[in-house]
Amino acid sequence: MADIIALFIPMVFAACIVIAIRVVVNARLRRRLAETHASEELVRLMFLSDQENSRLASLKWGIVLILTGIAFGIIDIANLTYDDPASYGVIFAAIGLGMVGYHLLQRQRD
């Protein structure tokens, strides 16, 4: 199990880099809007859109992480190791199911 965790360290590091870049880009956009004196309505709509996207992103990643945790439990119960292709199949299937489940919930909501 420790080998699988060691495999995910570079992926988590890459995700942290992506998040940091996104934060910087969003901050620059907001600063640019403030400098150009954008209309109050535009700023308000962007703020509301950001709040909605943040709420939905939390739901999406909550679903994905719960299913990934279940996948790790299945891997442990089945006594699979990091060398087994089935380990990766279980993890990727759980992540895929999480994304599809979120998409179905989002479509049903709209």
PDB file of N, CA and C in Angstrom:
ATOM      1  N   MET A   1       0.822  -1.187   0.000  1.00  0.00           N
ATOM      2  CA  MET A   1       0.000   0.000   0.000  1.00  0.00           C
ATOM      3  C   MET A   1       0.871   1.257   0.000  1.00  0.00           C
ATOM      4  N   ALA A   2       2.019   1.198   0.674  1.00  0.00           N
ATOM      5  CA  ALA A   2       2.916   2.349   0.710  1.00  0.00           C
ATOM      6  C   ALA A   2       3.458   2.652  -0.675  1.00  0.00           C
ATOM      7  N   ASP A   3       3.612   1.612  -1.508  1.00  0.00           N
ATOM      8  CA  ASP A   3       4.107   1.830  -2.870  1.00  0.00           C
ATOM      9  C   ASP A   3       3.083   2.602  -3.700  1.00  0.00           C
ATOM     10  N   ILE A   4       1.825   2.333  -3.501  1.00  0.00           N
ATOM     11  CA  ILE A   4       0.778   3.049  -4.231  1.00  0.00           C
ATOM     12  C   ILE A   4       0.753   4.506  -3.792  1.00  0.00           C
ATOM     13  N   ILE A   5       0.903   4.741  -2.508  1.00  0.00           N
ATOM     14  CA  ILE A   5       0.927   6.120  -2.001  1.00  0.00           C
ATOM     15  C   ILE A   5       2.129   6.866  -2.577  1.00  0.00           C
ATOM     16  N   ALA A   6       3.278   6.191  -2.652  1.00  0.00           N
ATOM     17  CA  ALA A   6       4.471   6.820  -3.226  1.00  0.00           C
ATOM     18  C   ALA A   6       4.267   7.149  -4.698  1.00  0.00           C
ATOM     19  N   LEU A   7       3.445   6.378  -5.371  1.00  0.00           N
ATOM     20  CA  LEU A   7       3.139   6.642  -6.770  1.00  0.00           C
ATOM     21  C   LEU A   7       2.290   7.907  -6.931  1.00  0.00           C
ATOM     22  N   PHE A   8       1.453   8.195  -5.960  1.00  0.00           N
ATOM     23  CA  PHE A   8       0.555   9.342  -6.055  1.00  0.00           C
ATOM     24  C   PHE A   8       1.210  10.661  -5.641  1.00  0.00           C
ATOM     25  N   ILE A   9       2.385  10.608  -5.037  1.00  0.00           N
ATOM     26  CA  ILE A   9       3.057  11.843  -4.611  1.00  0.00           C
ATOM     27  C   ILE A   9       3.329  12.773  -5.795  1.00  0.00           C
ATOM     28  N   PRO A  10       3.868  12.299  -6.932  1.00  0.00           N
ATOM     29  CA  PRO A  10       4.076  13.221  -8.057  1.00  0.00           C
ATOM     30  C   PRO A  10       2.752  13.780  -8.599  1.00  0.00           C
ATOM     31  N   MET A  11       1.702  12.978  -8.570  1.00  0.00           N
ATOM     32  CA  MET A  11       0.402  13.457  -9.058  1.00  0.00           C
ATOM     33  C   MET A  11      -0.144  14.571  -8.160  1.00  0.00           C
ATOM     34  N   VAL A  12       0.000  14.412  -6.871  1.00  0.00           N
ATOM     35  CA  VAL A  12      -0.448  15.439  -5.938  1.00  0.00           C
ATOM     36  C   VAL A  12       0.389  16.706  -6.110  1.00  0.00           C
ATOM     37  N   PHE A  13       1.674  16.546  -6.311  1.00  0.00           N
ATOM     38  CA  PHE A  13       2.552  17.688  -6.537  1.00  0.00           C
ATOM     39  C   PHE A  13       2.136  18.445  -7.794  1.00  0.00           C
ATOM     40  N   ALA A  14       1.830  17.719  -8.858  1.00  0.00           N
ATOM     41  CA  ALA A  14       1.382  18.354 -10.103  1.00  0.00           C
ATOM     42  C   ALA A  14       0.054  19.077  -9.885  1.00  0.00           C
ATOM     43  N   ALA A  15      -0.837  18.476  -9.132  1.00  0.00           N
ATOM     44  CA  ALA A  15      -2.121  19.128  -8.843  1.00  0.00           C
ATOM     45  C   ALA A  15      -1.909  20.411  -8.049  1.00  0.00           C
ATOM     46  N   CYS A  16      -0.988  20.403  -7.118  1.00  0.00           N
ATOM     47  CA  CYS A  16      -0.691  21.618  -6.343  1.00  0.00           C
ATOM     48  C   CYS A  16      -0.152  22.726  -7.240  1.00  0.00           C
ATOM     49  N   ILE A  17       0.675  22.372  -8.210  1.00  0.00           N
ATOM     50  CA  ILE A  17       1.192  23.368  -9.151  1.00  0.00           C
ATOM     51  C   ILE A  17       0.061  23.958  -9.976  1.00  0.00           C
ATOM     52  N   VAL A  18      -0.840  23.110 -10.448  1.00  0.00           N
ATOM     53  CA  VAL A  18      -1.991  23.585 -11.239  1.00  0.00           C
ATOM     54  C   VAL A  18      -2.854  24.519 -10.406  1.00  0.00           C
ATOM     55  N   ILE A  19      -3.109  24.166  -9.173  1.00  0.00           N
ATOM     56  CA  ILE A  19      -3.935  25.011  -8.296  1.00  0.00           C
ATOM     57  C   ILE A  19      -3.256  26.357  -8.060  1.00  0.00           C
ATOM     58  N   ALA A  20      -1.952  26.349  -7.837  1.00  0.00           N
ATOM     59  CA  ALA A  20      -1.233  27.605  -7.617  1.00  0.00           C
ATOM     60  C   ALA A  20      -1.311  28.498  -8.851  1.00  0.00           C
ATOM     61  N   ILE A  21      -1.149  27.921 -10.028  1.00  0.00           N
ATOM     62  CA  ILE A  21      -1.257  28.706 -11.265  1.00  0.00           C
ATOM     63  C   ILE A  21      -2.652  29.277 -11.414  1.00  0.00           C
ATOM     64  N   ARG A  22      -3.653  28.487 -11.096  1.00  0.00           N
ATOM     65  CA  ARG A  22      -5.040  28.955 -11.213  1.00  0.00           C
ATOM     66  C   ARG A  22      -5.312  30.125 -10.260  1.00  0.00           C
ATOM     67  N   VAL A  23      -4.795  30.047  -9.057  1.00  0.00           N
ATOM     68  CA  VAL A  23      -4.988  31.129  -8.094  1.00  0.00           C
ATOM     69  C   VAL A  23      -4.344  32.418  -8.600  1.00  0.00           C
ATOM     70  N   VAL A  24      -3.143  32.308  -9.148  1.00  0.00           N
ATOM     71  CA  VAL A  24      -2.447  33.490  -9.665  1.00  0.00           C
ATOM     72  C   VAL A  24      -3.212  34.091 -10.845  1.00  0.00           C
ATOM     73  N   VAL A  25      -3.682  33.259 -11.750  1.00  0.00           N
ATOM     74  CA  VAL A  25      -4.416  33.756 -12.918  1.00  0.00           C
ATOM     75  C   VAL A  25      -5.712  34.433 -12.482  1.00  0.00           C
ATOM     76  N   ASN A  26      -6.425  33.847 -11.548  1.00  0.00           N
ATOM     77  CA  ASN A  26      -7.668  34.462 -11.055  1.00  0.00           C
ATOM     78  C   ASN A  26      -7.400  35.799 -10.369  1.00  0.00           C
ATOM     79  N   ALA A  27      -6.316  35.878  -9.621  1.00  0.00           N
ATOM     80  CA  ALA A  27      -5.976  37.139  -8.955  1.00  0.00           C
ATOM     81  C   ALA A  27      -5.643  38.217  -9.980  1.00  0.00           C
ATOM     82  N   ARG A  28      -4.923  37.851 -11.023  1.00  0.00           N
ATOM     83  CA  ARG A  28      -4.608  38.820 -12.078  1.00  0.00           C
ATOM     84  C   ARG A  28      -5.863  39.294 -12.788  1.00  0.00           C
ATOM     85  N   LEU A  29      -6.785  38.379 -13.038  1.00  0.00           N
ATOM     86  CA  LEU A  29      -8.042  38.757 -13.695  1.00  0.00           C
ATOM     87  C   LEU A  29      -8.825  39.744 -12.841  1.00  0.00           C
ATOM     88  N   ARG A  30      -8.913  39.461 -11.572  1.00  0.00           N
ATOM     89  CA  ARG A  30      -9.644  40.366 -10.670  1.00  0.00           C
ATOM     90  C   ARG A  30      -8.965  41.744 -10.588  1.00  0.00           C
ATOM     91  N   ARG A  31      -7.642  41.741 -10.535  1.00  0.00           N
ATOM     92  CA  ARG A  31      -6.927  43.016 -10.507  1.00  0.00           C
ATOM     93  C   ARG A  31      -7.157  43.801 -11.794  1.00  0.00           C
ATOM     94  N   ARG A  32      -7.147  43.097 -12.912  1.00  0.00           N
ATOM     95  CA  ARG A  32      -7.368  43.751 -14.204  1.00  0.00           C
ATOM     96  C   ARG A  32      -8.773  44.345 -14.286  1.00  0.00           C
ATOM     97  N   LEU A  33      -9.750  43.622 -13.755  1.00  0.00           N
ATOM     98  CA  LEU A  33     -11.127  44.145 -13.730  1.00  0.00           C
ATOM     99  C   LEU A  33     -11.206  45.404 -12.874  1.00  0.00           C
ATOM    100  N   ALA A  34     -10.497  45.391 -11.763  1.00  0.00           N
ATOM    101  CA  ALA A  34     -10.510  46.563 -10.892  1.00  0.00           C
ATOM    102  C   ALA A  34      -9.824  47.748 -11.567  1.00  0.00           C
ATOM    103  N   GLU A  35      -8.740  47.495 -12.307  1.00  0.00           N
ATOM    104  CA  GLU A  35      -8.020  48.568 -12.981  1.00  0.00           C
ATOM    105  C   GLU A  35      -8.812  49.187 -14.124  1.00  0.00           C
ATOM    106  N   THR A  36      -9.604  48.353 -14.811  1.00  0.00           N
ATOM    107  CA  THR A  36     -10.363  48.848 -15.963  1.00  0.00           C
ATOM    108  C   THR A  36     -11.721  49.401 -15.567  1.00  0.00           C
ATOM    109  N   HIS A  37     -12.025  49.397 -14.280  1.00  0.00           N
ATOM    110  CA  HIS A  37     -13.301  49.911 -13.768  1.00  0.00           C
ATOM    111  C   HIS A  37     -14.484  49.213 -14.449  1.00  0.00           C
ATOM    112  N   ALA A  38     -14.482  47.881 -14.382  1.00  0.00           N
ATOM    113  CA  ALA A  38     -15.562  47.097 -14.970  1.00  0.00           C
ATOM    114  C   ALA A  38     -16.872  47.424 -14.264  1.00  0.00           C
ATOM    115  N   SER A  39     -17.957  47.188 -14.969  1.00  0.00           N
ATOM    116  CA  SER A  39     -19.259  47.521 -14.401  1.00  0.00           C
ATOM    117  C   SER A  39     -19.540  46.672 -13.165  1.00  0.00           C
ATOM    118  N   GLU A  40     -20.311  47.245 -12.277  1.00  0.00           N
ATOM    119  CA  GLU A  40     -20.639  46.551 -11.028  1.00  0.00           C
ATOM    120  C   GLU A  40     -21.429  45.278 -11.311  1.00  0.00           C
ATOM    121  N   GLU A  41     -22.274  45.320 -12.320  1.00  0.00           N
ATOM    122  CA  GLU A  41     -23.082  44.150 -12.678  1.00  0.00           C
ATOM    123  C   GLU A  41     -22.186  42.996 -13.143  1.00  0.00           C
ATOM    124  N   LEU A  42     -21.179  43.297 -13.950  1.00  0.00           N
ATOM    125  CA  LEU A  42     -20.257  42.267 -14.422  1.00  0.00           C
ATOM    126  C   LEU A  42     -19.493  41.644 -13.262  1.00  0.00           C
ATOM    127  N   VAL A  43     -19.016  42.455 -12.360  1.00  0.00           N
ATOM    128  CA  VAL A  43     -18.274  41.950 -11.206  1.00  0.00           C
ATOM    129  C   VAL A  43     -19.172  41.092 -10.321  1.00  0.00           C
ATOM    130  N   ARG A  44     -20.403  41.539 -10.127  1.00  0.00           N
ATOM    131  CA  ARG A  44     -21.355  40.775  -9.309  1.00  0.00           C
ATOM    132  C   ARG A  44     -21.664  39.418  -9.942  1.00  0.00           C
ATOM    133  N   LEU A  45     -21.886  39.399 -11.263  1.00  0.00           N
ATOM    134  CA  LEU A  45     -22.167  38.138 -11.959  1.00  0.00           C
ATOM    135  C   LEU A  45     -20.971  37.193 -11.903  1.00  0.00           C
ATOM    136  N   MET A  46     -19.763  37.741 -12.029  1.00  0.00           N
ATOM    137  CA  MET A  46     -18.584  36.895 -11.929  1.00  0.00           C
ATOM    138  C   MET A  46     -18.434  36.316 -10.522  1.00  0.00           C
ATOM    139  N   PHE A  47     -18.723  37.110  -9.520  1.00  0.00           N
ATOM    140  CA  PHE A  47     -18.637  36.648  -8.134  1.00  0.00           C
ATOM    141  C   PHE A  47     -19.649  35.528  -7.882  1.00  0.00           C
ATOM    142  N   LEU A  48     -20.871  35.711  -8.346  1.00  0.00           N
ATOM    143  CA  LEU A  48     -21.895  34.678  -8.167  1.00  0.00           C
ATOM    144  C   LEU A  48     -21.535  33.400  -8.925  1.00  0.00           C
ATOM    145  N   SER A  49     -20.989  33.574 -10.122  1.00  0.00           N
ATOM    146  CA  SER A  49     -20.569  32.417 -10.914  1.00  0.00           C
ATOM    147  C   SER A  49     -19.434  31.670 -10.215  1.00  0.00           C
ATOM    148  N   ASP A  50     -18.487  32.407  -9.660  1.00  0.00           N
ATOM    149  CA  ASP A  50     -17.383  31.776  -8.919  1.00  0.00           C
ATOM    150  C   ASP A  50     -17.888  31.005  -7.713  1.00  0.00           C
ATOM    151  N   GLN A  51     -18.859  31.576  -7.002  1.00  0.00           N
ATOM    152  CA  GLN A  51     -19.419  30.882  -5.840  1.00  0.00           C
ATOM    153  C   GLN A  51     -20.092  29.583  -6.255  1.00  0.00           C
ATOM    154  N   GLU A  52     -20.865  29.624  -7.334  1.00  0.00           N
ATOM    155  CA  GLU A  52     -21.560  28.429  -7.808  1.00  0.00           C
ATOM    156  C   GLU A  52     -20.563  27.372  -8.273  1.00  0.00           C
ATOM    157  N   ASN A  53     -19.551  27.790  -9.016  1.00  0.00           N
ATOM    158  CA  ASN A  53     -18.537  26.843  -9.482  1.00  0.00           C
ATOM    159  C   ASN A  53     -17.769  26.229  -8.323  1.00  0.00           C
ATOM    160  N   SER A  54     -17.495  27.022  -7.306  1.00  0.00           N
ATOM    161  CA  SER A  54     -16.784  26.511  -6.136  1.00  0.00           C
ATOM    162  C   SER A  54     -17.619  25.464  -5.402  1.00  0.00           C
ATOM    163  N   ARG A  55     -18.890  25.750  -5.260  1.00  0.00           N
ATOM    164  CA  ARG A  55     -19.784  24.809  -4.577  1.00  0.00           C
ATOM    165  C   ARG A  55     -19.886  23.498  -5.354  1.00  0.00           C
ATOM    166  N   LEU A  56     -20.024  23.604  -6.671  1.00  0.00           N
ATOM    167  CA  LEU A  56     -20.143  22.409  -7.494  1.00  0.00           C
ATOM    168  C   LEU A  56     -18.825  21.646  -7.576  1.00  0.00           C
ATOM    169  N   ALA A  57     -17.707  22.359  -7.564  1.00  0.00           N
ATOM    170  CA  ALA A  57     -16.408  21.688  -7.576  1.00  0.00           C
ATOM    171  C   ALA A  57     -16.220  20.881  -6.293  1.00  0.00           C
ATOM    172  N   SER A  58     -16.685  21.413  -5.192  1.00  0.00           N
ATOM    173  CA  SER A  58     -16.586  20.679  -3.929  1.00  0.00           C
ATOM    174  C   SER A  58     -17.397  19.393  -3.990  1.00  0.00           C
ATOM    175  N   LEU A  59     -18.574  19.474  -4.588  1.00  0.00           N
ATOM    176  CA  LEU A  59     -19.401  18.274  -4.738  1.00  0.00           C
ATOM    177  C   LEU A  59     -18.702  17.255  -5.625  1.00  0.00           C
ATOM    178  N   LYS A  60     -18.170  17.717  -6.746  1.00  0.00           N
ATOM    179  CA  LYS A  60     -17.504  16.807  -7.682  1.00  0.00           C
ATOM    180  C   LYS A  60     -16.323  16.104  -7.017  1.00  0.00           C
ATOM    181  N   TRP A  61     -15.448  16.876  -6.376  1.00  0.00           N
ATOM    182  CA  TRP A  61     -14.269  16.267  -5.786  1.00  0.00           C
ATOM    183  C   TRP A  61     -14.620  15.434  -4.564  1.00  0.00           C
ATOM    184  N   GLY A  62     -15.695  15.781  -3.875  1.00  0.00           N
ATOM    185  CA  GLY A  62     -16.158  14.943  -2.772  1.00  0.00           C
ATOM    186  C   GLY A  62     -16.573  13.568  -3.262  1.00  0.00           C
ATOM    187  N   ILE A  63     -17.339  13.537  -4.346  1.00  0.00           N
ATOM    188  CA  ILE A  63     -17.767  12.256  -4.928  1.00  0.00           C
ATOM    189  C   ILE A  63     -16.560  11.454  -5.393  1.00  0.00           C
ATOM    190  N   VAL A  64     -15.643  12.104  -6.106  1.00  0.00           N
ATOM    191  CA  VAL A  64     -14.467  11.413  -6.637  1.00  0.00           C
ATOM    192  C   VAL A  64     -13.592  10.872  -5.513  1.00  0.00           C
ATOM    193  N   LEU A  65     -13.372  11.661  -4.471  1.00  0.00           N
ATOM    194  CA  LEU A  65     -12.508  11.209  -3.379  1.00  0.00           C
ATOM    195  C   LEU A  65     -13.143  10.088  -2.561  1.00  0.00           C
ATOM    196  N   ILE A  66     -14.444  10.142  -2.373  1.00  0.00           N
ATOM    197  CA  ILE A  66     -15.114   9.052  -1.659  1.00  0.00           C
ATOM    198  C   ILE A  66     -14.972   7.749  -2.439  1.00  0.00           C
ATOM    199  N   LEU A  67     -15.216   7.808  -3.749  1.00  0.00           N
ATOM    200  CA  LEU A  67     -15.092   6.592  -4.553  1.00  0.00           C
ATOM    201  C   LEU A  67     -13.644   6.120  -4.651  1.00  0.00           C
ATOM    202  N   THR A  68     -12.693   7.041  -4.643  1.00  0.00           N
ATOM    203  CA  THR A  68     -11.286   6.641  -4.651  1.00  0.00           C
ATOM    204  C   THR A  68     -10.922   5.958  -3.335  1.00  0.00           C
ATOM    205  N   GLY A  69     -11.439   6.467  -2.233  1.00  0.00           N
ATOM    206  CA  GLY A  69     -11.221   5.814  -0.943  1.00  0.00           C
ATOM    207  C   GLY A  69     -11.806   4.407  -0.913  1.00  0.00           C
ATOM    208  N   ILE A  70     -12.983   4.263  -1.489  1.00  0.00           N
ATOM    209  CA  ILE A  70     -13.596   2.928  -1.586  1.00  0.00           C
ATOM    210  C   ILE A  70     -12.722   2.017  -2.443  1.00  0.00           C
ATOM    211  N   ALA A  71     -12.153   2.587  -3.528  1.00  0.00           N
ATOM    212  CA  ALA A  71     -11.276   1.790  -4.397  1.00  0.00           C
ATOM    213  C   ALA A  71     -10.047   1.299  -3.629  1.00  0.00           C
ATOM    214  N   PHE A  72      -9.453   2.160  -2.808  1.00  0.00           N
ATOM    215  CA  PHE A  72      -8.312   1.728  -2.000  1.00  0.00           C
ATOM    216  C   PHE A  72      -8.726   0.640  -1.006  1.00  0.00           C
ATOM    217  N   GLY A  73      -9.929   0.749  -0.479  1.00  0.00           N
ATOM    218  CA  GLY A  73     -10.434  -0.308   0.396  1.00  0.00           C
ATOM    219  C   GLY A  73     -10.585  -1.622  -0.337  1.00  0.00           C
ATOM    220  N   ILE A  74     -11.093  -1.570  -1.564  1.00  0.00           N
ATOM    221  CA  ILE A  74     -11.238  -2.781  -2.374  1.00  0.00           C
ATOM    222  C   ILE A  74      -9.871  -3.380  -2.685  1.00  0.00           C
ATOM    223  N   ILE A  75      -8.906  -2.528  -2.983  1.00  0.00           N
ATOM    224  CA  ILE A  75      -7.546  -3.004  -3.264  1.00  0.00           C
ATOM    225  C   ILE A  75      -6.976  -3.713  -2.038  1.00  0.00           C
ATOM    226  N   ASP A  76      -7.216  -3.147  -0.860  1.00  0.00           N
ATOM    227  CA  ASP A  76      -6.711  -3.752   0.371  1.00  0.00           C
ATOM    228  C   ASP A  76      -7.410  -5.073   0.655  1.00  0.00           C
ATOM    229  N   ILE A  77      -8.711  -5.113   0.491  1.00  0.00           N
ATOM    230  CA  ILE A  77      -9.472  -6.342   0.753  1.00  0.00           C
ATOM    231  C   ILE A  77      -9.069  -7.451  -0.210  1.00  0.00           C
ATOM    232  N   ALA A  78      -8.820  -7.080  -1.476  1.00  0.00           N
ATOM    233  CA  ALA A  78      -8.454  -8.073  -2.489  1.00  0.00           C
ATOM    234  C   ALA A  78      -6.966  -8.440  -2.440  1.00  0.00           C
ATOM    235  N   ASN A  79      -6.226  -7.848  -1.503  1.00  0.00           N
ATOM    236  CA  ASN A  79      -4.788  -8.109  -1.362  1.00  0.00           C
ATOM    237  C   ASN A  79      -4.016  -7.865  -2.665  1.00  0.00           C
ATOM    238  N   LEU A  80      -4.355  -6.795  -3.348  1.00  0.00           N
ATOM    239  CA  LEU A  80      -3.644  -6.424  -4.566  1.00  0.00           C
ATOM    240  C   LEU A  80      -2.438  -5.568  -4.195  1.00  0.00           C
ATOM    241  N   THR A  81      -1.409  -5.597  -5.019  1.00  0.00           N
ATOM    242  CA  THR A  81      -0.227  -4.776  -4.795  1.00  0.00           C
ATOM    243  C   THR A  81      -0.138  -3.731  -5.904  1.00  0.00           C
ATOM    244  N   TYR A  82       0.855  -2.865  -5.785  1.00  0.00           N
ATOM    245  CA  TYR A  82       1.018  -1.820  -6.797  1.00  0.00           C
ATOM    246  C   TYR A  82       1.450  -2.407  -8.140  1.00  0.00           C
ATOM    247  N   ASP A  83       1.978  -3.623  -8.148  1.00  0.00           N
ATOM    248  CA  ASP A  83       2.398  -4.267  -9.396  1.00  0.00           C
ATOM    249  C   ASP A  83       1.217  -4.801 -10.194  1.00  0.00           C
ATOM    250  N   ASP A  84       0.101  -5.018  -9.539  1.00  0.00           N
ATOM    251  CA  ASP A  84      -1.053  -5.597 -10.214  1.00  0.00           C
ATOM    252  C   ASP A  84      -1.774  -4.551 -11.058  1.00  0.00           C
ATOM    253  N   PRO A  85      -1.992  -4.863 -12.324  1.00  0.00           N
ATOM    254  CA  PRO A  85      -2.740  -3.924 -13.171  1.00  0.00           C
ATOM    255  C   PRO A  85      -4.158  -3.695 -12.660  1.00  0.00           C
ATOM    256  N   ALA A  86      -4.698  -4.658 -11.971  1.00  0.00           N
ATOM    257  CA  ALA A  86      -6.053  -4.525 -11.435  1.00  0.00           C
ATOM    258  C   ALA A  86      -6.140  -3.388 -10.418  1.00  0.00           C
ATOM    259  N   SER A  87      -5.054  -3.121  -9.711  1.00  0.00           N
ATOM    260  CA  SER A  87      -5.047  -2.014  -8.751  1.00  0.00           C
ATOM    261  C   SER A  87      -5.319  -0.700  -9.462  1.00  0.00           C
ATOM    262  N   TYR A  88      -4.633  -0.489 -10.568  1.00  0.00           N
ATOM    263  CA  TYR A  88      -4.832   0.742 -11.326  1.00  0.00           C
ATOM    264  C   TYR A  88      -6.218   0.775 -11.959  1.00  0.00           C
ATOM    265  N   GLY A  89      -6.668  -0.381 -12.413  1.00  0.00           N
ATOM    266  CA  GLY A  89      -8.004  -0.448 -12.992  1.00  0.00           C
ATOM    267  C   GLY A  89      -9.080  -0.071 -11.992  1.00  0.00           C
ATOM    268  N   VAL A  90      -8.938  -0.544 -10.760  1.00  0.00           N
ATOM    269  CA  VAL A  90      -9.922  -0.224  -9.717  1.00  0.00           C
ATOM    270  C   VAL A  90      -9.902   1.266  -9.404  1.00  0.00           C
ATOM    271  N   ILE A  91      -8.718   1.842  -9.306  1.00  0.00           N
ATOM    272  CA  ILE A  91      -8.613   3.271  -8.986  1.00  0.00           C
ATOM    273  C   ILE A  91      -9.179   4.127 -10.116  1.00  0.00           C
ATOM    274  N   PHE A  92      -8.769   3.835 -11.351  1.00  0.00           N
ATOM    275  CA  PHE A  92      -9.251   4.642 -12.477  1.00  0.00           C
ATOM    276  C   PHE A  92     -10.744   4.453 -12.700  1.00  0.00           C
ATOM    277  N   ALA A  93     -11.258   3.246 -12.472  1.00  0.00           N
ATOM    278  CA  ALA A  93     -12.695   3.013 -12.603  1.00  0.00           C
ATOM    279  C   ALA A  93     -13.464   3.822 -11.553  1.00  0.00           C
ATOM    280  N   ALA A  94     -12.947   3.867 -10.340  1.00  0.00           N
ATOM    281  CA  ALA A  94     -13.614   4.637  -9.284  1.00  0.00           C
ATOM    282  C   ALA A  94     -13.609   6.121  -9.613  1.00  0.00           C
ATOM    283  N   ILE A  95     -12.490   6.631 -10.098  1.00  0.00           N
ATOM    284  CA  ILE A  95     -12.422   8.049 -10.463  1.00  0.00           C
ATOM    285  C   ILE A  95     -13.375   8.335 -11.619  1.00  0.00           C
ATOM    286  N   GLY A  96     -13.395   7.458 -12.608  1.00  0.00           N
ATOM    287  CA  GLY A  96     -14.306   7.623 -13.736  1.00  0.00           C
ATOM    288  C   GLY A  96     -15.762   7.578 -13.308  1.00  0.00           C
ATOM    289  N   LEU A  97     -16.087   6.658 -12.426  1.00  0.00           N
ATOM    290  CA  LEU A  97     -17.465   6.588 -11.924  1.00  0.00           C
ATOM    291  C   LEU A  97     -17.841   7.845 -11.162  1.00  0.00           C
ATOM    292  N   GLY A  98     -16.899   8.384 -10.416  1.00  0.00           N
ATOM    293  CA  GLY A  98     -17.153   9.627  -9.698  1.00  0.00           C
ATOM    294  C   GLY A  98     -17.453  10.776 -10.643  1.00  0.00           C
ATOM    295  N   MET A  99     -16.658  10.892 -11.701  1.00  0.00           N
ATOM    296  CA  MET A  99     -16.876  11.965 -12.674  1.00  0.00           C
ATOM    297  C   MET A  99     -18.200  11.793 -13.419  1.00  0.00           C
ATOM    298  N   VAL A 100     -18.499  10.563 -13.820  1.00  0.00           N
ATOM    299  CA  VAL A 100     -19.772  10.300 -14.514  1.00  0.00           C
ATOM    300  C   VAL A 100     -20.947  10.553 -13.570  1.00  0.00           C
ATOM    301  N   GLY A 101     -20.815  10.128 -12.315  1.00  0.00           N
ATOM    302  CA  GLY A 101     -21.874  10.380 -11.340  1.00  0.00           C
ATOM    303  C   GLY A 101     -22.116  11.859 -11.133  1.00  0.00           C
ATOM    304  N   TYR A 102     -21.048  12.626 -11.059  1.00  0.00           N
ATOM    305  CA  TYR A 102     -21.183  14.080 -10.915  1.00  0.00           C
ATOM    306  C   TYR A 102     -21.861  14.660 -12.145  1.00  0.00           C
ATOM    307  N   HIS A 103     -21.461  14.217 -13.319  1.00  0.00           N
ATOM    308  CA  HIS A 103     -22.069  14.719 -14.552  1.00  0.00           C
ATOM    309  C   HIS A 103     -23.571  14.432 -14.578  1.00  0.00           C
ATOM    310  N   LEU A 104     -23.951  13.234 -14.170  1.00  0.00           N
ATOM    311  CA  LEU A 104     -25.377  12.896 -14.147  1.00  0.00           C
ATOM    312  C   LEU A 104     -26.139  13.745 -13.136  1.00  0.00           C
ATOM    313  N   LEU A 105     -25.547  13.969 -11.976  1.00  0.00           N
ATOM    314  CA  LEU A 105     -26.191  14.841 -10.984  1.00  0.00           C
ATOM    315  C   LEU A 105     -26.335  16.273 -11.494  1.00  0.00           C
ATOM    316  N   GLN A 106     -25.279  16.761 -12.143  1.00  0.00           N
ATOM    317  CA  GLN A 106     -25.302  18.113 -12.689  1.00  0.00           C
ATOM    318  C   GLN A 106     -26.336  18.245 -13.787  1.00  0.00           C
ATOM    319  N   ARG A 107     -26.421  17.250 -14.659  1.00  0.00           N
ATOM    320  CA  ARG A 107     -27.406  17.275 -15.750  1.00  0.00           C
ATOM    321  C   ARG A 107     -28.822  17.214 -15.197  1.00  0.00           C
ATOM    322  N   GLN A 108     -29.020  16.407 -14.181  1.00  0.00           N
ATOM    323  CA  GLN A 108     -30.335  16.279 -13.558  1.00  0.00           C
ATOM    324  C   GLN A 108     -30.722  17.594 -12.879  1.00  0.00           C
ATOM    325  N   ARG A 109     -29.746  18.279 -12.319  1.00  0.00           N
ATOM    326  CA  ARG A 109     -29.979  19.552 -11.637  1.00  0.00           C
ATOM    327  C   ARG A 109     -30.406  20.641 -12.618  1.00  0.00           C
ATOM    328  N   ASP A 110     -29.769  20.648 -13.800  1.00  0.00           N
ATOM    329  CA  ASP A 110     -30.087  21.666 -14.804  1.00  0.00           C
ATOM    330  C   ASP A 110     -31.389  21.292 -15.479  1.00  0.00           C
TER     331      ASP A 110
END
